[in-house]
Protein backbone atom coordinates (compact mmCIF):
# COMPACT_ATOMS: atom_id res chain seq x y z
CA MET A 1 0.01 -0.01 0.00
CA ARG A 2 1.19 3.47 -0.80
CA LEU A 3 0.26 6.22 1.63
CA LEU A 4 1.49 9.79 1.62
CA PHE A 5 -0.08 11.31 4.71
CA LEU A 6 0.22 14.78 6.13
CA THR A 7 3.46 15.53 4.28
CA CYS A 8 2.12 18.94 3.45
CA VAL A 9 1.38 19.95 7.02
CA ASN A 10 3.37 22.97 8.12
CA THR A 11 2.76 23.30 11.83
CA ALA A 12 4.09 26.84 11.95
CA LEU A 13 1.20 27.84 9.66
CA ALA A 14 -1.41 25.54 11.11
CA PHE A 15 -0.66 26.37 14.73
CA PRO A 16 1.01 29.80 15.10
CA GLY A 17 4.00 29.81 17.43
CA MET A 18 4.88 26.10 17.02
CA LEU A 19 7.81 24.60 15.20
CA ASP A 20 7.43 23.08 11.78
CA THR A 21 7.28 19.32 12.43
CA ARG A 22 6.78 18.24 8.84
CA GLN A 23 7.43 14.51 8.38
CA SER A 24 7.45 12.29 5.31
CA LEU A 25 6.68 8.59 5.16
CA PRO A 26 8.55 6.04 3.11
CA SER A 27 7.04 5.66 -0.36
CA ASN A 28 6.00 2.14 0.57
CA LEU A 29 4.76 1.55 4.08
CA PRO A 30 6.49 -1.32 5.88
CA LEU A 31 4.68 -4.53 6.55
CA SER A 32 3.44 -4.74 10.13
CA SER A 33 6.06 -7.31 11.06
CA GLU A 34 8.89 -5.14 9.70
CA GLU A 35 8.29 -2.14 11.94
CA GLY A 36 10.39 -1.33 14.95
CA ASN A 37 8.98 0.35 18.04
CA SER A 38 9.43 3.77 16.45
CA GLY A 39 6.69 3.06 13.95
CA PRO A 40 6.76 3.58 10.17
CA ILE A 41 9.43 6.29 10.41
CA PRO A 42 12.50 4.69 12.04
CA SER A 43 14.54 6.52 14.66
CA LEU A 44 18.01 7.11 13.28
CA VAL A 45 19.94 8.67 16.18
CA PHE A 46 20.43 8.37 19.92
CA ASN A 47 21.11 11.53 21.90
CA ALA A 48 21.07 11.04 25.67
CA ALA A 49 20.76 14.74 26.41
CA ASP A 50 17.75 15.04 24.13
CA GLN A 51 16.01 11.82 25.10
CA PHE A 52 16.67 11.19 28.81
CA VAL A 53 13.56 11.90 30.85
CA ASP A 54 14.76 12.75 34.36
CA VAL A 55 12.13 11.69 36.88
CA ARG A 56 14.47 10.94 39.76
CA PRO A 57 13.33 11.88 43.30
CA GLY A 58 14.17 15.46 44.08
CA THR A 59 13.96 16.64 40.49
CA THR A 60 11.33 18.90 38.94
CA HIS A 61 9.61 15.92 37.35
CA GLN A 62 9.71 13.50 40.24
CA PHE A 63 6.61 11.36 40.76
CA ILE A 64 4.04 12.89 43.06
CA ALA A 65 0.86 10.92 43.67
CA PRO A 66 -2.31 12.82 42.74
CA GLY A 67 -4.34 14.46 45.49
CA PRO A 68 -8.05 13.89 46.06
CA ASN A 69 -9.06 16.75 43.78
CA ASP A 70 -6.54 16.03 40.98
CA LYS A 71 -8.01 14.61 37.80
CA ARG A 72 -6.81 11.31 36.38
CA GLY A 73 -8.54 9.38 33.63
CA PRO A 74 -8.50 6.53 31.12
CA CYS A 75 -5.21 7.43 29.36
CA PRO A 76 -2.14 6.11 31.19
CA GLY A 77 0.23 8.34 29.23
CA LEU A 78 -1.63 11.47 30.21
CA ASN A 79 -1.88 10.32 33.84
CA ALA A 80 1.86 9.67 33.99
CA ALA A 81 2.62 13.05 32.41
CA ALA A 82 0.51 14.80 35.08
CA ASN A 83 2.03 12.75 37.92
CA HIS A 84 5.46 13.94 36.82
CA GLY A 85 4.46 17.56 36.23
CA PHE A 86 4.79 17.58 32.47
CA LEU A 87 1.09 18.37 32.41
CA PRO A 88 -0.46 20.38 35.28
CA ARG A 89 -0.59 18.09 38.28
CA ASN A 90 -4.27 18.88 38.80
CA GLY A 91 -5.01 17.24 35.43
CA ILE A 92 -6.59 20.30 33.81
CA ALA A 93 -4.59 21.71 30.90
CA THR A 94 -4.60 24.33 28.16
CA ILE A 95 -3.59 23.66 24.56
CA ALA A 96 -0.15 25.21 25.09
CA GLN A 97 0.46 23.17 28.26
CA THR A 98 -0.59 19.98 26.46
CA VAL A 99 1.65 20.58 23.48
CA THR A 100 4.72 21.51 25.56
CA GLY A 101 4.19 18.80 28.18
CA LEU A 102 3.69 15.92 25.81
CA ARG A 103 6.64 17.01 23.67
CA GLN A 104 8.89 17.12 26.77
CA ALA A 105 7.69 13.80 28.15
CA TYR A 106 7.27 11.69 25.01
CA SER A 107 8.40 13.61 21.89
CA PHE A 108 4.75 13.73 20.90
CA GLY A 109 4.13 15.76 17.76
CA ASP A 110 3.08 19.34 18.35
CA GLU A 111 0.45 19.47 15.62
CA PHE A 112 -1.21 16.24 16.81
CA ALA A 113 -1.16 17.29 20.48
CA ALA A 114 -2.73 20.64 19.61
CA ALA A 115 -5.48 19.15 17.43
CA LEU A 116 -6.34 16.40 19.94
CA SER A 117 -6.43 18.84 22.84
CA VAL A 118 -8.58 21.38 21.04
CA ILE A 119 -11.08 18.63 20.14
CA ALA A 120 -11.06 17.53 23.80
CA ILE A 121 -11.70 21.11 24.86
CA ALA A 122 -14.57 21.43 22.39
CA LEU A 123 -16.20 18.08 23.19
CA THR A 124 -15.44 17.61 26.90
CA GLY A 125 -13.85 20.77 28.30
CA ASP A 126 -14.28 24.50 28.67
CA PRO A 127 -13.97 26.18 25.27
CA ILE A 128 -14.51 29.60 26.84
CA ARG A 129 -11.29 29.38 28.86
CA GLY A 130 -9.57 26.81 26.65
CA THR A 131 -9.06 24.01 29.21
CA TRP A 132 -9.78 20.31 29.35
CA SER A 133 -9.58 17.56 31.97
CA ILE A 134 -7.60 14.36 31.49
CA GLY A 135 -10.08 12.78 33.92
CA GLY A 136 -13.51 13.64 35.24
CA SER A 137 -15.64 16.74 35.43
CA TYR A 138 -14.47 20.01 36.94
CA SER A 139 -15.80 23.43 37.74
CA PRO A 140 -14.39 26.16 35.49
CA GLY A 141 -15.46 28.82 38.00
CA LEU A 142 -18.00 31.10 36.39
CA LEU A 143 -19.64 29.07 33.64
CA GLY A 144 -19.45 31.99 31.20
CA GLY A 145 -21.72 30.50 28.54
CA LEU A 146 -21.42 26.84 29.61
CA LEU A 147 -24.73 25.41 30.78
CA SER A 148 -23.01 22.68 32.86
CA ASN A 149 -19.57 21.73 34.16
CA PRO A 150 -17.17 20.18 31.61
CA SER A 151 -17.30 16.40 31.65
CA GLY A 152 -13.62 15.60 31.13
CA ILE A 153 -12.56 12.74 28.91
CA SER A 154 -13.49 10.14 31.57
CA TRP A 155 -17.17 10.77 30.81
CA SER A 156 -16.99 11.21 27.07
CA HIS A 157 -18.18 7.79 25.95
CA ASN A 158 -18.62 7.60 22.15
CA VAL A 159 -17.68 11.25 21.99
CA TYR A 160 -13.95 11.14 22.72
CA GLU A 161 -13.50 7.81 24.51
CA SER A 162 -14.75 4.61 22.91
CA ASP A 163 -15.26 0.84 23.30
CA ALA A 164 -12.44 -1.67 22.71
CA SER A 165 -9.89 0.24 24.77
CA PRO A 166 -6.50 -1.40 25.29
CA ALA A 167 -7.01 -1.89 29.05
CA ARG A 168 -10.27 -0.22 30.08
CA SER A 169 -13.69 -1.86 30.11
CA ASP A 170 -16.40 -1.01 27.65
CA ALA A 171 -18.61 1.45 29.51
CA TYR A 172 -21.82 -0.57 29.12
CA LEU A 173 -20.17 -3.70 30.53
CA ASN A 174 -18.89 -1.85 33.62
CA ASN A 175 -21.84 0.23 34.84
CA GLY A 176 -20.76 3.20 32.75
CA ASP A 177 -17.16 3.17 34.03
CA ALA A 178 -14.67 3.24 31.15
CA THR A 179 -11.91 4.77 33.27
CA SER A 180 -10.94 2.06 35.77
CA LEU A 181 -8.34 -0.47 34.62
CA ASN A 182 -9.68 -3.86 33.61
CA LEU A 183 -7.03 -6.18 34.95
CA GLY A 184 -8.25 -9.09 32.81
CA ARG A 185 -7.84 -6.97 29.69
CA PHE A 186 -4.45 -5.71 30.90
CA ASP A 187 -3.30 -9.28 31.63
CA ALA A 188 -4.31 -10.33 28.13
CA LEU A 189 -1.88 -7.74 26.80
CA TYR A 190 0.76 -8.42 29.41
CA ASN A 191 0.81 -12.17 28.65
CA LEU A 192 1.34 -11.70 24.91
CA ALA A 193 5.11 -11.28 25.26
CA THR A 194 8.00 -10.35 27.52
CA THR A 195 9.04 -7.50 25.19
CA TYR A 196 6.36 -6.03 22.98
CA THR A 197 6.16 -5.10 19.33
CA LEU A 198 3.63 -3.20 17.22
CA ASP A 199 2.40 -6.56 15.95
CA ASP A 200 1.67 -7.63 19.54
CA LEU A 201 -0.38 -4.48 20.13
CA ARG A 202 -2.24 -5.00 16.83
CA ASP A 203 -3.05 -8.56 17.87
CA HIS A 204 -4.30 -7.20 21.19
CA ASN A 205 -6.38 -4.63 19.35
CA LYS A 206 -7.97 -7.46 17.40
CA TYR A 207 -8.63 -9.36 20.65
CA VAL A 208 -10.42 -6.47 22.43
CA HIS A 209 -12.33 -5.53 19.26
CA ASP A 210 -13.65 -9.08 18.91
CA PHE A 211 -14.36 -9.33 22.67
CA SER A 212 -16.44 -6.17 22.53
CA ILE A 213 -18.52 -7.32 19.57
CA ASN A 214 -19.02 -10.78 21.13
CA ASN A 215 -19.93 -9.53 24.64
CA ASN A 216 -21.24 -5.98 24.47
CA PRO A 217 -24.71 -5.55 22.95
CA TYR A 218 -24.11 -1.76 23.00
CA TYR A 219 -20.74 -1.92 21.22
CA PHE A 220 -20.41 1.13 19.00
CA SER A 221 -17.65 2.61 16.83
CA ALA A 222 -18.30 6.27 15.98
CA PRO A 223 -16.62 8.13 13.11
CA PHE A 224 -14.21 10.04 15.36
CA ALA A 225 -14.18 8.17 18.68
CA GLY A 226 -14.05 4.80 16.94
CA LEU A 227 -10.57 5.56 15.65
CA VAL A 228 -9.28 6.46 19.13
CA PRO A 229 -8.75 2.83 20.35
CA PRO A 230 -6.63 1.81 17.34
CA ILE A 231 -4.54 4.97 17.72
CA ALA A 232 -4.24 4.33 21.47
CA HIS A 233 -2.89 0.83 20.90
CA HIS A 234 -0.12 2.35 18.78
CA PHE A 235 0.57 5.00 21.44
CA ILE A 236 1.58 2.24 23.86
CA ILE A 237 4.46 0.99 21.68
CA ASN A 238 5.52 4.30 20.17
CA LEU A 239 5.42 6.42 23.32
CA MET A 240 6.15 3.97 26.17
CA SER A 241 9.10 2.11 24.68
CA ASN A 242 12.54 2.88 26.10
CA HIS A 243 14.56 4.37 23.23
CA SER A 244 17.98 3.88 24.88
CA ALA A 245 21.41 3.45 23.33
CA ASP A 246 20.86 -0.34 23.50
CA ASN A 247 17.99 -0.10 21.02
CA ILE A 248 17.26 3.30 19.51
CA GLN A 249 14.07 1.96 17.90
CA GLY A 250 12.77 1.26 21.38
CA THR A 251 12.12 -1.65 23.74
CA LEU A 252 8.95 -2.11 25.78
CA THR A 253 9.34 -4.61 28.61
CA ARG A 254 6.80 -5.98 31.03
CA GLU A 255 8.13 -3.85 33.87
CA THR A 256 7.91 -0.68 31.82
CA LEU A 257 4.37 -1.56 30.77
CA LYS A 258 3.37 -2.11 34.42
CA SER A 259 4.90 1.21 35.49
CA PHE A 260 2.95 3.17 32.83
CA PHE A 261 -0.30 1.37 33.73
CA SER A 262 0.15 1.67 37.50
CA VAL A 263 0.20 -2.09 37.96
CA THR A 264 2.24 -3.90 40.60
CA GLY A 265 2.54 -7.40 41.98
CA PRO A 266 3.57 -10.79 40.62
CA ASP A 267 2.38 -12.11 37.26
CA ASN A 268 -0.39 -14.16 38.79
CA ALA A 269 -1.68 -11.47 41.17
CA HIS A 270 -1.50 -8.04 39.58
CA VAL A 271 -2.79 -5.03 41.50
CA TRP A 272 -3.87 -1.70 40.01
CA THR A 273 -3.52 1.52 41.98
CA ALA A 274 -5.75 4.17 40.43
CA GLY A 275 -3.98 7.26 39.13
CA HIS A 276 -0.41 6.27 40.08
CA GLU A 277 0.98 5.84 36.56
CA LYS A 278 4.73 6.47 36.40
CA ILE A 279 7.40 7.15 33.83
CA PRO A 280 10.16 4.69 34.74
CA GLN A 281 13.54 5.88 35.92
CA ASN A 282 16.44 5.53 33.49
CA TRP A 283 13.98 5.84 30.60
CA TYR A 284 14.62 7.53 27.22
CA LYS A 285 11.85 8.90 25.03
CA ARG A 286 11.98 8.70 21.25
CA PRO A 287 14.32 11.29 19.67
CA SER A 288 12.84 14.75 19.16
CA SER A 289 13.95 14.51 15.54
CA ASN A 290 11.33 11.78 15.09
CA PRO A 291 8.23 12.92 17.02
CA TYR A 292 5.15 10.76 17.04
CA GLY A 293 2.60 12.92 15.35
CA ALA A 294 -0.31 12.58 12.99
CA VAL A 295 1.93 11.40 10.14
CA PRO A 296 3.11 8.12 11.73
CA ALA A 297 -0.03 7.67 13.81
CA PHE A 298 -2.40 7.39 10.92
CA ALA A 299 0.12 5.44 8.87
CA ASP A 300 0.21 2.95 11.78
CA VAL A 301 -3.56 2.68 11.66
CA ALA A 302 -3.40 2.12 7.88
CA ILE A 303 -0.88 -0.66 8.42
CA LEU A 304 -3.20 -2.17 11.06
CA ALA A 305 -6.04 -2.09 8.55
CA THR A 306 -4.04 -4.20 6.09
CA LYS A 307 -3.83 -6.89 8.75
CA TYR A 308 -7.21 -6.49 10.47
CA PRO A 309 -9.46 -4.39 8.22
CA GLU A 310 -12.51 -5.09 10.40
CA ILE A 311 -11.01 -2.93 13.20
CA VAL A 312 -11.18 0.24 11.09
CA GLN A 313 -14.94 0.09 10.62
CA PHE A 314 -17.79 2.24 11.84
CA GLY A 315 -21.09 0.91 13.15
CA GLY A 316 -22.06 -1.27 16.07
CA ASN A 317 -24.10 -4.04 17.60
CA THR A 318 -27.86 -3.65 17.31
CA GLY A 319 -28.81 -4.52 20.91
CA THR A 320 -27.60 -8.11 21.04
CA THR A 321 -24.11 -9.48 21.15
CA ASN A 322 -22.35 -10.39 17.93
CA SER A 323 -24.81 -8.43 15.79
CA PHE A 324 -22.37 -5.92 14.31
CA VAL A 325 -23.62 -3.91 11.33
CA GLY A 326 -21.13 -1.70 9.54
CA VAL A 327 -21.85 1.69 8.03
CA ASP A 328 -19.97 2.70 4.88
CA PRO A 329 -18.30 6.12 5.21
CA GLY A 330 -19.89 6.96 1.88
CA ASP A 331 -23.31 6.87 3.51
CA ILE A 332 -22.14 9.34 6.15
CA THR A 333 -20.20 11.71 3.87
CA GLY A 334 -22.38 11.73 0.74
CA GLY A 335 -19.77 9.68 -1.11
CA VAL A 336 -16.79 11.91 -0.33
CA PHE A 337 -15.14 8.97 1.43
CA ASN A 338 -16.06 5.29 1.22
CA SER A 339 -14.70 2.06 2.65
CA VAL A 340 -12.31 1.69 -0.27
CA THR A 341 -10.97 5.23 -0.50
CA LEU A 342 -10.71 5.81 3.25
CA LEU A 343 -7.20 4.39 3.39
CA GLN A 344 -6.01 6.14 0.25
CA GLY A 345 -3.83 9.25 0.31
CA ASN A 346 -4.66 11.61 3.15
CA ASN A 347 -8.25 10.42 3.51
CA LEU A 348 -8.04 8.68 6.88
CA GLY A 349 -6.62 11.75 8.56
CA CYS A 350 -9.06 14.03 6.73
CA PHE A 351 -11.98 11.86 7.87
CA PHE A 352 -10.72 11.78 11.48
CA PHE A 353 -10.44 15.54 11.83
CA GLN A 354 -13.50 16.42 9.73
CA ALA A 355 -15.66 13.93 11.65
CA ALA A 356 -14.64 15.62 14.90
CA GLN A 357 -15.53 19.04 13.49
CA GLN A 358 -18.88 17.82 12.23
CA ALA A 359 -19.76 16.17 15.52
CA ILE A 360 -19.33 19.25 17.67
CA PRO A 361 -22.70 21.02 17.04
CA SER A 362 -24.78 17.94 17.83
CA VAL A 363 -22.72 16.98 20.87
CA LEU A 364 -22.78 20.45 22.41
CA ARG A 365 -26.41 21.32 21.70
CA GLY A 366 -27.84 22.09 25.15
CA VAL A 367 -24.40 22.19 26.74
CA VAL A 368 -23.20 25.63 25.63
CA SER A 369 -25.35 28.69 25.11
CA ASN A 370 -23.34 29.94 22.13
CA LEU A 371 -21.58 27.56 19.70
CA ALA A 372 -19.79 30.29 17.79
CA PRO A 373 -16.67 30.57 20.06
CA VAL A 374 -16.39 26.78 20.23
CA LEU A 375 -16.44 26.39 16.47
CA ALA A 376 -14.03 29.29 16.09
CA LEU A 377 -11.58 27.65 18.49
CA VAL A 378 -11.73 24.32 16.68
CA ASN A 379 -11.43 25.92 13.26
CA GLN A 380 -8.38 27.89 14.40
CA TYR A 381 -6.47 24.67 15.09
CA VAL A 382 -8.07 22.00 12.93
CA SER A 383 -9.12 23.75 9.70
CA PRO A 384 -5.57 24.74 8.71
CA VAL A 385 -4.59 21.08 8.96
CA THR A 386 -7.45 19.90 6.72
CA GLN A 387 -6.73 22.71 4.27
CA LEU A 388 -3.05 21.89 4.03
CA LEU A 389 -3.92 18.23 3.61
CA ASN A 390 -5.99 19.32 0.62
CA CYS A 391 -8.94 17.49 2.12
CA PRO A 392 -12.03 17.37 -0.07
CA ALA A 393 -14.93 19.56 1.01
CA LEU A 394 -17.22 17.69 3.36
CA ASN A 395 -20.64 19.36 3.12
CA THR A 396 -22.64 16.28 4.10
CA PHE A 397 -22.29 14.44 7.38
CA ASP A 398 -25.35 12.26 7.89
CA GLU A 399 -25.32 10.28 11.14
CA SER A 400 -28.86 8.97 10.76
CA ALA A 401 -27.53 5.51 9.91
CA PHE A 402 -26.30 5.26 13.51
CA ASN A 403 -29.84 5.50 14.93
CA GLN A 404 -30.13 1.71 14.68
CA PHE A 405 -27.38 1.24 17.28
CA PRO A 406 -28.40 1.61 20.94
CA GLY A 407 -24.77 2.23 21.87
CA ALA A 408 -24.79 5.45 19.85
CA ALA A 409 -27.12 6.99 22.39
CA TYR A 410 -25.37 5.55 25.47
CA HIS A 411 -23.59 8.39 27.27
CA PRO A 412 -23.16 7.57 30.98
CA THR A 413 -22.54 10.52 33.28
CA GLN A 414 -20.61 10.86 36.50
C-alpha cells in the first residue's frame, strides 16, 4: 500500500508559534512485522541529552501521587505526564500546556497534540477558557456560557473515549465506568510477550475488538471516537518504549508496561492503583527529531487495517451481542469517502479531523449557550490542517444510519 499522509502539514502555519514538524513517510509503508517500536518512520539517532527523561526523586519531574481533587482518567500516558508535572498536576490543561508537556515527556508531535487537545476542549472541556480535563468533570469557576460543568474525557463515551480500549472496560459492561483499569484486559496484553512489538499490540487490538462485539450488545464505533482505540494501541508502543542506546528503535518490557499502567505485583496477582501511573527511571523517550505525530499515527492505523481491516470500521451491535452492522463512510459523507478510499492518500486523517468538526454542534447542543466561540476555536487549530492536507470539502455528514445502534445514544454521566 502506498500512503502519503500529512506531508504537506506545516505546523508553523497551522498552529502559530509552534515549530514546523513536517514529516514524510517512506514511499512504501512497511509490513506490520517489519516495523520497529518507532513506527513507520524509524529513529536514526540516539542523543542522551535530548532523550533522557529525568524523573528521579528530588527533580522537577519526580513522581508525586495525585491528590483527592486532581483529575486522572483513562489514558495512562496522560496520567503519567501529570504525575510527573509535564502536564499540570491537577489534570486540567490548556492547549499550550498539552503541546509543551507531551513534547517534553514523550516527543509527541506538536500538531497532533494541539489538534487532539482542542477537540477535547470542544467536546469535553471549557472552550470559553480553553481548558480540558484528562479525567473527570471540573468546575471552570463562572460558567461563562457553559450550561453545565465540563465532563472531562473520563465521561465522554462515544464522543472522545470509545469501546475496545487497550485496558479499560467497555462502559456498558462496567456500569458506565470506562476509566478504571480492567485487569483481565491488561493481563491479556501483558501475557502476549515479555518484550512487545507493534504486531503484539495490533493482535491485542484485534482481541479487544472481537471481545467487545461478542460480549457488548451496545458496542459502537463512531466516526471520530471509533478511531481512538486503534490509535491508542499504537501510542503504547511508540510512546512507552525505552529508546535507549541499547535499542534506538525502542524496547517495551513488562516492567515498563506495568509502570505506565500503575500495575504492581507478581504475574499471577496483579494489583492496580488508580492514578499512580509512572514514567520509569532511566527511561529515554523517542528522539525529538522523530516525534510521534499525525503522520506516523495514521500510517500505523493504515498498516493495522491491512492486517485486520475489520477494526477500522464504523457501526455497532444492534442490541444483542455479535450483531455488528457496519456503516460505509460513503453513507455518512455523501460519497466523499467510502470504505475503499478511506485508506488512500490523506483520507483517513481528513476523515478523522473532519468527523470531529462535524460532531461538535450535535454533541454540544444544550451544553453551551453559544456555539460560535467553540467552532471558532476548533477551526483555528483543525481547519488549517485539513486545508493543508488538501482534504475534499465535506458538506454532508449524515449520522442517521447510527440510529439503529443503541450504543450510539449511550452516554453515561458521572
